Protein backbone atom coordinates (compact mmCIF):
# COMPACT_ATOMS: atom_id res chain seq x y z
CA UNK A 1 0.00 0.00 0.00
CA UNK A 2 2.19 2.79 -1.24
CA UNK A 3 -0.51 5.41 -0.56
CA UNK A 4 -0.33 4.62 3.16
CA UNK A 5 3.43 5.18 3.28
CA UNK A 6 2.94 8.52 1.50
CA UNK A 7 0.21 9.74 3.87
CA UNK A 8 0.86 13.13 5.48
CA UNK A 9 -2.01 12.70 7.93
CA UNK A 10 -0.64 13.75 11.33
CA UNK A 11 -0.78 11.39 14.27
CA UNK A 12 -2.11 12.68 17.60
CA UNK A 13 1.43 12.77 18.98
CA UNK A 14 5.00 12.70 17.71
CA UNK A 15 6.88 9.59 18.77
CA UNK A 16 10.59 10.05 19.36
CA UNK A 17 12.33 6.69 19.24
CA UNK A 18 16.01 6.08 19.87
CA UNK A 19 17.26 3.56 17.33
CA UNK A 20 20.92 2.65 16.87
CA UNK A 21 22.01 5.78 18.70
CA UNK A 22 19.88 8.10 16.57
CA UNK A 23 16.54 9.64 17.43
CA UNK A 24 13.80 8.98 14.91
CA UNK A 25 10.71 11.22 14.96
CA UNK A 26 7.45 9.75 13.78
CA UNK A 27 4.72 12.34 13.33
CA UNK A 28 2.58 11.16 10.40
CA UNK A 29 0.68 8.04 9.39
CA UNK A 30 3.07 7.55 6.47
CA UNK A 31 6.19 7.80 8.62
CA UNK A 32 4.76 5.34 11.14
CA UNK A 33 3.70 2.90 8.43
CA UNK A 34 7.14 3.01 6.81
CA UNK A 35 8.84 2.51 10.18
CA UNK A 36 6.86 -0.55 11.22
CA UNK A 37 6.72 -2.18 7.79
CA UNK A 38 10.32 -1.61 6.67
CA UNK A 39 11.73 -3.63 9.55
CA UNK A 40 11.89 -7.37 9.05
CA UNK A 41 8.79 -9.30 10.06
CA UNK A 42 11.08 -11.42 12.25
CA UNK A 43 11.85 -8.32 14.33
CA UNK A 44 8.13 -7.88 15.05
CA UNK A 45 7.41 -11.61 15.54
CA UNK A 46 7.17 -11.34 19.33
CA UNK A 47 4.63 -8.53 18.97
CA UNK A 48 2.76 -10.01 15.98
CA UNK A 49 -0.75 -9.16 17.20
CA UNK A 50 0.10 -5.59 18.22
CA UNK A 51 2.02 -5.08 14.96
CA UNK A 52 -0.89 -6.33 12.85
CA UNK A 53 -3.29 -4.08 14.76
CA UNK A 54 -1.04 -1.04 14.25
CA UNK A 55 -0.65 -1.74 10.52
CA UNK A 56 -4.42 -2.11 10.13
CA UNK A 57 -5.12 1.09 12.06
CA UNK A 58 -2.56 3.03 10.02
CA UNK A 59 -4.08 1.79 6.77
CA UNK A 60 -7.50 2.93 7.95
CA UNK A 61 -6.20 6.30 9.18
CA UNK A 62 -4.55 6.97 5.82
CA UNK A 63 -8.02 6.96 4.28
CA UNK A 64 -9.89 8.61 7.14
CA UNK A 65 -8.12 11.16 9.36
CA UNK A 66 -10.76 10.64 12.07
CA UNK A 67 -9.09 7.28 12.79
CA UNK A 68 -5.73 8.77 13.79
CA UNK A 69 -6.60 8.45 17.50
CA UNK A 70 -6.93 4.67 17.15
CA UNK A 71 -3.78 4.49 15.03
CA UNK A 72 -1.82 6.55 17.57
CA UNK A 73 -3.04 4.33 20.42
CA UNK A 74 -2.14 1.15 18.50
CA UNK A 75 1.36 2.49 17.78
CA UNK A 76 1.83 3.54 21.40
CA UNK A 77 0.88 0.05 22.61
CA UNK A 78 3.28 -1.56 20.12
CA UNK A 79 6.18 0.77 20.91
CA UNK A 80 5.74 0.45 24.67
CA UNK A 81 5.54 -3.35 24.52
CA UNK A 82 8.62 -3.44 22.27
CA UNK A 83 10.36 -1.09 24.75
CA UNK A 84 10.97 1.54 22.08
CA UNK A 85 9.37 4.27 24.20
PDB file of N, CA and C in Angstrom:
ATOM      1  N   UNK A   1       0.834  -1.183   0.000  1.00  0.00           N
ATOM      2  CA  UNK A   1       0.000   0.000   0.000  1.00  0.00           C
ATOM      3  C   UNK A   1       0.879   1.248   0.000  1.00  0.00           C
ATOM      4  N   UNK A   2       1.303   1.648  -1.144  1.00  0.00           N
ATOM      5  CA  UNK A   2       2.193   2.794  -1.241  1.00  0.00           C
ATOM      6  C   UNK A   2       1.504   4.085  -0.800  1.00  0.00           C
ATOM      7  N   UNK A   3       0.178   4.187  -0.968  1.00  0.00           N
ATOM      8  CA  UNK A   3      -0.512   5.406  -0.561  1.00  0.00           C
ATOM      9  C   UNK A   3      -0.472   5.593   0.951  1.00  0.00           C
ATOM     10  N   UNK A   4      -0.423   4.510   1.699  1.00  0.00           N
ATOM     11  CA  UNK A   4      -0.331   4.619   3.156  1.00  0.00           C
ATOM     12  C   UNK A   4       1.030   5.192   3.542  1.00  0.00           C
ATOM     13  N   UNK A   5       2.088   4.698   2.929  1.00  0.00           N
ATOM     14  CA  UNK A   5       3.429   5.180   3.282  1.00  0.00           C
ATOM     15  C   UNK A   5       3.657   6.617   2.834  1.00  0.00           C
ATOM     16  N   UNK A   6       2.831   7.129   1.949  1.00  0.00           N
ATOM     17  CA  UNK A   6       2.941   8.521   1.497  1.00  0.00           C
ATOM     18  C   UNK A   6       1.992   9.462   2.240  1.00  0.00           C
ATOM     19  N   UNK A   7       1.213   8.934   3.165  1.00  0.00           N
ATOM     20  CA  UNK A   7       0.213   9.739   3.871  1.00  0.00           C
ATOM     21  C   UNK A   7       0.868  10.795   4.767  1.00  0.00           C
ATOM     22  N   UNK A   8       0.388  12.019   4.638  1.00  0.00           N
ATOM     23  CA  UNK A   8       0.859  13.128   5.477  1.00  0.00           C
ATOM     24  C   UNK A   8      -0.105  13.404   6.632  1.00  0.00           C
ATOM     25  N   UNK A   9      -1.052  12.528   6.843  1.00  0.00           N
ATOM     26  CA  UNK A   9      -2.012  12.705   7.927  1.00  0.00           C
ATOM     27  C   UNK A   9      -1.267  12.673   9.260  1.00  0.00           C
ATOM     28  N   UNK A  10      -1.385  13.726  10.061  1.00  0.00           N
ATOM     29  CA  UNK A  10      -0.644  13.748  11.333  1.00  0.00           C
ATOM     30  C   UNK A  10      -1.238  12.799  12.366  1.00  0.00           C
ATOM     31  N   UNK A  11      -0.359  12.184  13.131  1.00  0.00           N
ATOM     32  CA  UNK A  11      -0.783  11.386  14.272  1.00  0.00           C
ATOM     33  C   UNK A  11      -1.146  12.334  15.403  1.00  0.00           C
ATOM     34  N   UNK A  12      -1.729  11.841  16.476  1.00  0.00           N
ATOM     35  CA  UNK A  12      -2.107  12.683  17.598  1.00  0.00           C
ATOM     36  C   UNK A  12      -0.925  13.088  18.456  1.00  0.00           C
ATOM     37  N   UNK A  13       0.211  12.442  18.261  1.00  0.00           N
ATOM     38  CA  UNK A  13       1.434  12.773  18.982  1.00  0.00           C
ATOM     39  C   UNK A  13       2.619  12.464  18.086  1.00  0.00           C
ATOM     40  N   UNK A  14       3.763  13.035  18.416  1.00  0.00           N
ATOM     41  CA  UNK A  14       5.002  12.705  17.709  1.00  0.00           C
ATOM     42  C   UNK A  14       5.790  11.751  18.587  1.00  0.00           C
ATOM     43  N   UNK A  15       6.075  10.572  18.037  1.00  0.00           N
ATOM     44  CA  UNK A  15       6.878   9.593  18.765  1.00  0.00           C
ATOM     45  C   UNK A  15       8.345   9.855  18.479  1.00  0.00           C
ATOM     46  N   UNK A  16       9.147   9.901  19.515  1.00  0.00           N
ATOM     47  CA  UNK A  16      10.593  10.054  19.359  1.00  0.00           C
ATOM     48  C   UNK A  16      11.229   8.766  19.869  1.00  0.00           C
ATOM     49  N   UNK A  17      11.790   8.010  18.936  1.00  0.00           N
ATOM     50  CA  UNK A  17      12.334   6.687  19.242  1.00  0.00           C
ATOM     51  C   UNK A  17      13.836   6.706  19.024  1.00  0.00           C
ATOM     52  N   UNK A  18      14.568   6.194  19.995  1.00  0.00           N
ATOM     53  CA  UNK A  18      16.014   6.083  19.871  1.00  0.00           C
ATOM     54  C   UNK A  18      16.324   4.731  19.236  1.00  0.00           C
ATOM     55  N   UNK A  19      16.963   4.770  18.079  1.00  0.00           N
ATOM     56  CA  UNK A  19      17.263   3.560  17.326  1.00  0.00           C
ATOM     57  C   UNK A  19      18.692   3.628  16.819  1.00  0.00           C
ATOM     58  N   UNK A  20      19.505   2.695  17.263  1.00  0.00           N
ATOM     59  CA  UNK A  20      20.918   2.649  16.866  1.00  0.00           C
ATOM     60  C   UNK A  20      21.643   3.962  17.162  1.00  0.00           C
ATOM     61  N   UNK A  21      21.343   4.556  18.297  1.00  0.00           N
ATOM     62  CA  UNK A  21      22.014   5.782  18.702  1.00  0.00           C
ATOM     63  C   UNK A  21      21.482   7.047  18.067  1.00  0.00           C
ATOM     64  N   UNK A  22      20.476   6.938  17.213  1.00  0.00           N
ATOM     65  CA  UNK A  22      19.879   8.103  16.571  1.00  0.00           C
ATOM     66  C   UNK A  22      18.421   8.203  16.981  1.00  0.00           C
ATOM     67  N   UNK A  23      17.938   9.428  17.094  1.00  0.00           N
ATOM     68  CA  UNK A  23      16.542   9.641  17.426  1.00  0.00           C
ATOM     69  C   UNK A  23      15.733   9.770  16.140  1.00  0.00           C
ATOM     70  N   UNK A  24      14.695   8.972  16.057  1.00  0.00           N
ATOM     71  CA  UNK A  24      13.796   8.985  14.908  1.00  0.00           C
ATOM     72  C   UNK A  24      12.481   9.594  15.370  1.00  0.00           C
ATOM     73  N   UNK A  25      12.005  10.603  14.653  1.00  0.00           N
ATOM     74  CA  UNK A  25      10.714  11.221  14.962  1.00  0.00           C
ATOM     75  C   UNK A  25       9.661  10.675  14.005  1.00  0.00           C
ATOM     76  N   UNK A  26       8.552  10.265  14.575  1.00  0.00           N
ATOM     77  CA  UNK A  26       7.448   9.745  13.781  1.00  0.00           C
ATOM     78  C   UNK A  26       6.234  10.603  14.088  1.00  0.00           C
ATOM     79  N   UNK A  27       5.804  11.389  13.104  1.00  0.00           N
ATOM     80  CA  UNK A  27       4.721  12.336  13.328  1.00  0.00           C
ATOM     81  C   UNK A  27       3.517  12.121  12.413  1.00  0.00           C
ATOM     82  N   UNK A  28       3.684  11.347  11.336  1.00  0.00           N
ATOM     83  CA  UNK A  28       2.579  11.157  10.397  1.00  0.00           C
ATOM     84  C   UNK A  28       2.264   9.675  10.221  1.00  0.00           C
ATOM     85  N   UNK A  29       1.096   9.414   9.672  1.00  0.00           N
ATOM     86  CA  UNK A  29       0.680   8.044   9.386  1.00  0.00           C
ATOM     87  C   UNK A  29       1.686   7.385   8.450  1.00  0.00           C
ATOM     88  N   UNK A  30       2.122   8.099   7.434  1.00  0.00           N
ATOM     89  CA  UNK A  30       3.067   7.545   6.469  1.00  0.00           C
ATOM     90  C   UNK A  30       4.409   7.190   7.098  1.00  0.00           C
ATOM     91  N   UNK A  31       4.927   8.075   7.946  1.00  0.00           N
ATOM     92  CA  UNK A  31       6.194   7.797   8.623  1.00  0.00           C
ATOM     93  C   UNK A  31       6.080   6.567   9.522  1.00  0.00           C
ATOM     94  N   UNK A  32       4.977   6.474  10.243  1.00  0.00           N
ATOM     95  CA  UNK A  32       4.765   5.337  11.143  1.00  0.00           C
ATOM     96  C   UNK A  32       4.641   4.045  10.342  1.00  0.00           C
ATOM     97  N   UNK A  33       3.892   4.088   9.260  1.00  0.00           N
ATOM     98  CA  UNK A  33       3.698   2.900   8.426  1.00  0.00           C
ATOM     99  C   UNK A  33       5.033   2.433   7.848  1.00  0.00           C
ATOM    100  N   UNK A  34       5.820   3.371   7.349  1.00  0.00           N
ATOM    101  CA  UNK A  34       7.143   3.013   6.809  1.00  0.00           C
ATOM    102  C   UNK A  34       8.017   2.410   7.898  1.00  0.00           C
ATOM    103  N   UNK A  35       7.996   2.992   9.090  1.00  0.00           N
ATOM    104  CA  UNK A  35       8.838   2.511  10.182  1.00  0.00           C
ATOM    105  C   UNK A  35       8.491   1.083  10.572  1.00  0.00           C
ATOM    106  N   UNK A  36       7.209   0.790  10.735  1.00  0.00           N
ATOM    107  CA  UNK A  36       6.864  -0.551  11.225  1.00  0.00           C
ATOM    108  C   UNK A  36       6.775  -1.599  10.123  1.00  0.00           C
ATOM    109  N   UNK A  37       6.751  -1.188   8.866  1.00  0.00           N
ATOM    110  CA  UNK A  37       6.716  -2.183   7.790  1.00  0.00           C
ATOM    111  C   UNK A  37       8.068  -2.385   7.123  1.00  0.00           C
ATOM    112  N   UNK A  38       8.997  -1.452   7.283  1.00  0.00           N
ATOM    113  CA  UNK A  38      10.318  -1.612   6.668  1.00  0.00           C
ATOM    114  C   UNK A  38      11.236  -2.522   7.465  1.00  0.00           C
ATOM    115  N   UNK A  39      10.952  -2.696   8.754  1.00  0.00           N
ATOM    116  CA  UNK A  39      11.731  -3.630   9.549  1.00  0.00           C
ATOM    117  C   UNK A  39      11.290  -5.041   9.187  1.00  0.00           C
ATOM    118  N   UNK A  40      12.177  -5.972   9.348  1.00  0.00           N
ATOM    119  CA  UNK A  40      11.889  -7.366   9.047  1.00  0.00           C
ATOM    120  C   UNK A  40      10.733  -7.880   9.892  1.00  0.00           C
ATOM    121  N   UNK A  41       9.913  -8.725   9.308  1.00  0.00           N
ATOM    122  CA  UNK A  41       8.794  -9.299  10.064  1.00  0.00           C
ATOM    123  C   UNK A  41       9.288 -10.132  11.243  1.00  0.00           C
ATOM    124  N   UNK A  42      10.503 -10.652  11.143  1.00  0.00           N
ATOM    125  CA  UNK A  42      11.084 -11.424  12.247  1.00  0.00           C
ATOM    126  C   UNK A  42      11.277 -10.524  13.464  1.00  0.00           C
ATOM    127  N   UNK A  43      11.630  -9.254  13.231  1.00  0.00           N
ATOM    128  CA  UNK A  43      11.847  -8.325  14.331  1.00  0.00           C
ATOM    129  C   UNK A  43      10.554  -8.007  15.083  1.00  0.00           C
ATOM    130  N   UNK A  44       9.415  -8.144  14.423  1.00  0.00           N
ATOM    131  CA  UNK A  44       8.130  -7.879  15.046  1.00  0.00           C
ATOM    132  C   UNK A  44       7.427  -9.163  15.487  1.00  0.00           C
ATOM    133  N   UNK A  45       8.049 -10.325  15.274  1.00  0.00           N
ATOM    134  CA  UNK A  45       7.413 -11.611  15.540  1.00  0.00           C
ATOM    135  C   UNK A  45       6.847 -11.706  16.964  1.00  0.00           C
ATOM    136  N   UNK A  46       7.607 -11.259  17.938  1.00  0.00           N
ATOM    137  CA  UNK A  46       7.174 -11.338  19.333  1.00  0.00           C
ATOM    138  C   UNK A  46       5.919 -10.499  19.593  1.00  0.00           C
ATOM    139  N   UNK A  47       5.739  -9.473  18.787  1.00  0.00           N
ATOM    140  CA  UNK A  47       4.633  -8.529  18.971  1.00  0.00           C
ATOM    141  C   UNK A  47       3.658  -8.601  17.790  1.00  0.00           C
ATOM    142  N   UNK A  48       3.516  -9.794  17.221  1.00  0.00           N
ATOM    143  CA  UNK A  48       2.756 -10.011  15.985  1.00  0.00           C
ATOM    144  C   UNK A  48       1.351  -9.412  16.036  1.00  0.00           C
ATOM    145  N   UNK A  49       0.618  -9.647  17.102  1.00  0.00           N
ATOM    146  CA  UNK A  49      -0.752  -9.155  17.201  1.00  0.00           C
ATOM    147  C   UNK A  49      -0.798  -7.631  17.273  1.00  0.00           C
ATOM    148  N   UNK A  50       0.053  -7.047  18.110  1.00  0.00           N
ATOM    149  CA  UNK A  50       0.098  -5.587  18.223  1.00  0.00           C
ATOM    150  C   UNK A  50       0.559  -4.948  16.911  1.00  0.00           C
ATOM    151  N   UNK A  51       1.510  -5.588  16.239  1.00  0.00           N
ATOM    152  CA  UNK A  51       2.017  -5.082  14.961  1.00  0.00           C
ATOM    153  C   UNK A  51       0.905  -5.107  13.910  1.00  0.00           C
ATOM    154  N   UNK A  52       0.194  -6.221  13.823  1.00  0.00           N
ATOM    155  CA  UNK A  52      -0.890  -6.335  12.848  1.00  0.00           C
ATOM    156  C   UNK A  52      -1.981  -5.295  13.117  1.00  0.00           C
ATOM    157  N   UNK A  53      -2.287  -5.076  14.387  1.00  0.00           N
ATOM    158  CA  UNK A  53      -3.288  -4.080  14.757  1.00  0.00           C
ATOM    159  C   UNK A  53      -2.834  -2.678  14.352  1.00  0.00           C
ATOM    160  N   UNK A  54      -1.572  -2.353  14.602  1.00  0.00           N
ATOM    161  CA  UNK A  54      -1.040  -1.036  14.249  1.00  0.00           C
ATOM    162  C   UNK A  54      -1.051  -0.828  12.733  1.00  0.00           C
ATOM    163  N   UNK A  55      -0.655  -1.842  11.986  1.00  0.00           N
ATOM    164  CA  UNK A  55      -0.651  -1.739  10.515  1.00  0.00           C
ATOM    165  C   UNK A  55      -2.073  -1.504  10.012  1.00  0.00           C
ATOM    166  N   UNK A  56      -3.020  -2.259  10.534  1.00  0.00           N
ATOM    167  CA  UNK A  56      -4.415  -2.110  10.126  1.00  0.00           C
ATOM    168  C   UNK A  56      -4.955  -0.720  10.459  1.00  0.00           C
ATOM    169  N   UNK A  57      -4.659  -0.245  11.649  1.00  0.00           N
ATOM    170  CA  UNK A  57      -5.119   1.092  12.063  1.00  0.00           C
ATOM    171  C   UNK A  57      -4.494   2.189  11.204  1.00  0.00           C
ATOM    172  N   UNK A  58      -3.222   2.040  10.870  1.00  0.00           N
ATOM    173  CA  UNK A  58      -2.559   3.032  10.021  1.00  0.00           C
ATOM    174  C   UNK A  58      -3.155   3.033   8.619  1.00  0.00           C
ATOM    175  N   UNK A  59      -3.460   1.862   8.094  1.00  0.00           N
ATOM    176  CA  UNK A  59      -4.082   1.785   6.773  1.00  0.00           C
ATOM    177  C   UNK A  59      -5.439   2.472   6.778  1.00  0.00           C
ATOM    178  N   UNK A  60      -6.189   2.276   7.842  1.00  0.00           N
ATOM    179  CA  UNK A  60      -7.498   2.928   7.954  1.00  0.00           C
ATOM    180  C   UNK A  60      -7.355   4.441   8.118  1.00  0.00           C
ATOM    181  N   UNK A  61      -6.397   4.871   8.926  1.00  0.00           N
ATOM    182  CA  UNK A  61      -6.199   6.304   9.178  1.00  0.00           C
ATOM    183  C   UNK A  61      -5.702   7.039   7.932  1.00  0.00           C
ATOM    184  N   UNK A  62      -5.004   6.333   7.051  1.00  0.00           N
ATOM    185  CA  UNK A  62      -4.546   6.975   5.816  1.00  0.00           C
ATOM    186  C   UNK A  62      -5.732   7.385   4.950  1.00  0.00           C
ATOM    187  N   UNK A  63      -6.827   6.649   5.050  1.00  0.00           N
ATOM    188  CA  UNK A  63      -8.018   6.956   4.279  1.00  0.00           C
ATOM    189  C   UNK A  63      -9.027   7.818   5.011  1.00  0.00           C
ATOM    190  N   UNK A  64      -8.926   7.863   6.335  1.00  0.00           N
ATOM    191  CA  UNK A  64      -9.887   8.613   7.141  1.00  0.00           C
ATOM    192  C   UNK A  64      -9.164   9.202   8.354  1.00  0.00           C
ATOM    193  N   UNK A  65      -8.894  10.492   8.308  1.00  0.00           N
ATOM    194  CA  UNK A  65      -8.120  11.158   9.365  1.00  0.00           C
ATOM    195  C   UNK A  65      -8.781  11.058  10.734  1.00  0.00           C
ATOM    196  N   UNK A  66     -10.070  10.784  10.785  1.00  0.00           N
ATOM    197  CA  UNK A  66     -10.757  10.638  12.075  1.00  0.00           C
ATOM    198  C   UNK A  66     -10.246   9.420  12.840  1.00  0.00           C
ATOM    199  N   UNK A  67      -9.573   8.512  12.160  1.00  0.00           N
ATOM    200  CA  UNK A  67      -9.089   7.283  12.791  1.00  0.00           C
ATOM    201  C   UNK A  67      -7.654   7.393  13.304  1.00  0.00           C
ATOM    202  N   UNK A  68      -7.113   8.610  13.316  1.00  0.00           N
ATOM    203  CA  UNK A  68      -5.734   8.772  13.794  1.00  0.00           C
ATOM    204  C   UNK A  68      -5.599   8.525  15.289  1.00  0.00           C
ATOM    205  N   UNK A  69      -6.658   8.716  16.055  1.00  0.00           N
ATOM    206  CA  UNK A  69      -6.600   8.447  17.495  1.00  0.00           C
ATOM    207  C   UNK A  69      -6.354   6.955  17.720  1.00  0.00           C
ATOM    208  N   UNK A  70      -7.113   6.109  17.016  1.00  0.00           N
ATOM    209  CA  UNK A  70      -6.931   4.667  17.148  1.00  0.00           C
ATOM    210  C   UNK A  70      -5.551   4.240  16.656  1.00  0.00           C
ATOM    211  N   UNK A  71      -5.091   4.834  15.564  1.00  0.00           N
ATOM    212  CA  UNK A  71      -3.775   4.492  15.031  1.00  0.00           C
ATOM    213  C   UNK A  71      -2.678   4.897  16.008  1.00  0.00           C
ATOM    214  N   UNK A  72      -2.805   6.083  16.593  1.00  0.00           N
ATOM    215  CA  UNK A  72      -1.821   6.545  17.574  1.00  0.00           C
ATOM    216  C   UNK A  72      -1.794   5.631  18.788  1.00  0.00           C
ATOM    217  N   UNK A  73      -2.964   5.233  19.261  1.00  0.00           N
ATOM    218  CA  UNK A  73      -3.036   4.331  20.418  1.00  0.00           C
ATOM    219  C   UNK A  73      -2.437   2.963  20.102  1.00  0.00           C
ATOM    220  N   UNK A  74      -2.692   2.453  18.898  1.00  0.00           N
ATOM    221  CA  UNK A  74      -2.138   1.151  18.499  1.00  0.00           C
ATOM    222  C   UNK A  74      -0.616   1.224  18.404  1.00  0.00           C
ATOM    223  N   UNK A  75      -0.096   2.313  17.864  1.00  0.00           N
ATOM    224  CA  UNK A  75       1.362   2.490  17.782  1.00  0.00           C
ATOM    225  C   UNK A  75       1.969   2.601  19.171  1.00  0.00           C
ATOM    226  N   UNK A  76       1.327   3.378  20.037  1.00  0.00           N
ATOM    227  CA  UNK A  76       1.834   3.541  21.398  1.00  0.00           C
ATOM    228  C   UNK A  76       1.917   2.184  22.103  1.00  0.00           C
ATOM    229  N   UNK A  77       0.883   1.374  21.976  1.00  0.00           N
ATOM    230  CA  UNK A  77       0.877   0.045  22.605  1.00  0.00           C
ATOM    231  C   UNK A  77       2.008  -0.822  22.053  1.00  0.00           C
ATOM    232  N   UNK A  78       2.209  -0.791  20.740  1.00  0.00           N
ATOM    233  CA  UNK A  78       3.280  -1.564  20.116  1.00  0.00           C
ATOM    234  C   UNK A  78       4.640  -1.086  20.576  1.00  0.00           C
ATOM    235  N   UNK A  79       4.868   0.216  20.542  1.00  0.00           N
ATOM    236  CA  UNK A  79       6.178   0.765  20.910  1.00  0.00           C
ATOM    237  C   UNK A  79       6.490   0.548  22.386  1.00  0.00           C
ATOM    238  N   UNK A  80       5.491   0.670  23.235  1.00  0.00           N
ATOM    239  CA  UNK A  80       5.735   0.451  24.675  1.00  0.00           C
ATOM    240  C   UNK A  80       6.067  -1.021  24.921  1.00  0.00           C
ATOM    241  N   UNK A  81       5.291  -1.906  24.325  1.00  0.00           N
ATOM    242  CA  UNK A  81       5.536  -3.354  24.521  1.00  0.00           C
ATOM    243  C   UNK A  81       6.899  -3.768  23.975  1.00  0.00           C
ATOM    244  N   UNK A  82       7.321  -3.129  22.873  1.00  0.00           N
ATOM    245  CA  UNK A  82       8.616  -3.437  22.269  1.00  0.00           C
ATOM    246  C   UNK A  82       9.760  -2.671  22.961  1.00  0.00           C
ATOM    247  N   UNK A  83       9.400  -1.887  23.984  1.00  0.00           N
ATOM    248  CA  UNK A  83      10.360  -1.091  24.746  1.00  0.00           C
ATOM    249  C   UNK A  83      11.120  -0.093  23.867  1.00  0.00           C
ATOM    250  N   UNK A  84      10.400   0.490  22.916  1.00  0.00           N
ATOM    251  CA  UNK A  84      10.972   1.543  22.077  1.00  0.00           C
ATOM    252  C   UNK A  84      10.669   2.920  22.645  1.00  0.00           C
ATOM    253  N   UNK A  85       9.701   3.000  23.539  1.00  0.00           N
ATOM    254  CA  UNK A  85       9.374   4.267  24.203  1.00  0.00           C
ATOM    255  C   UNK A  85       9.730   4.181  25.670  1.00  0.00           C
TER     256      UNK A  85
END
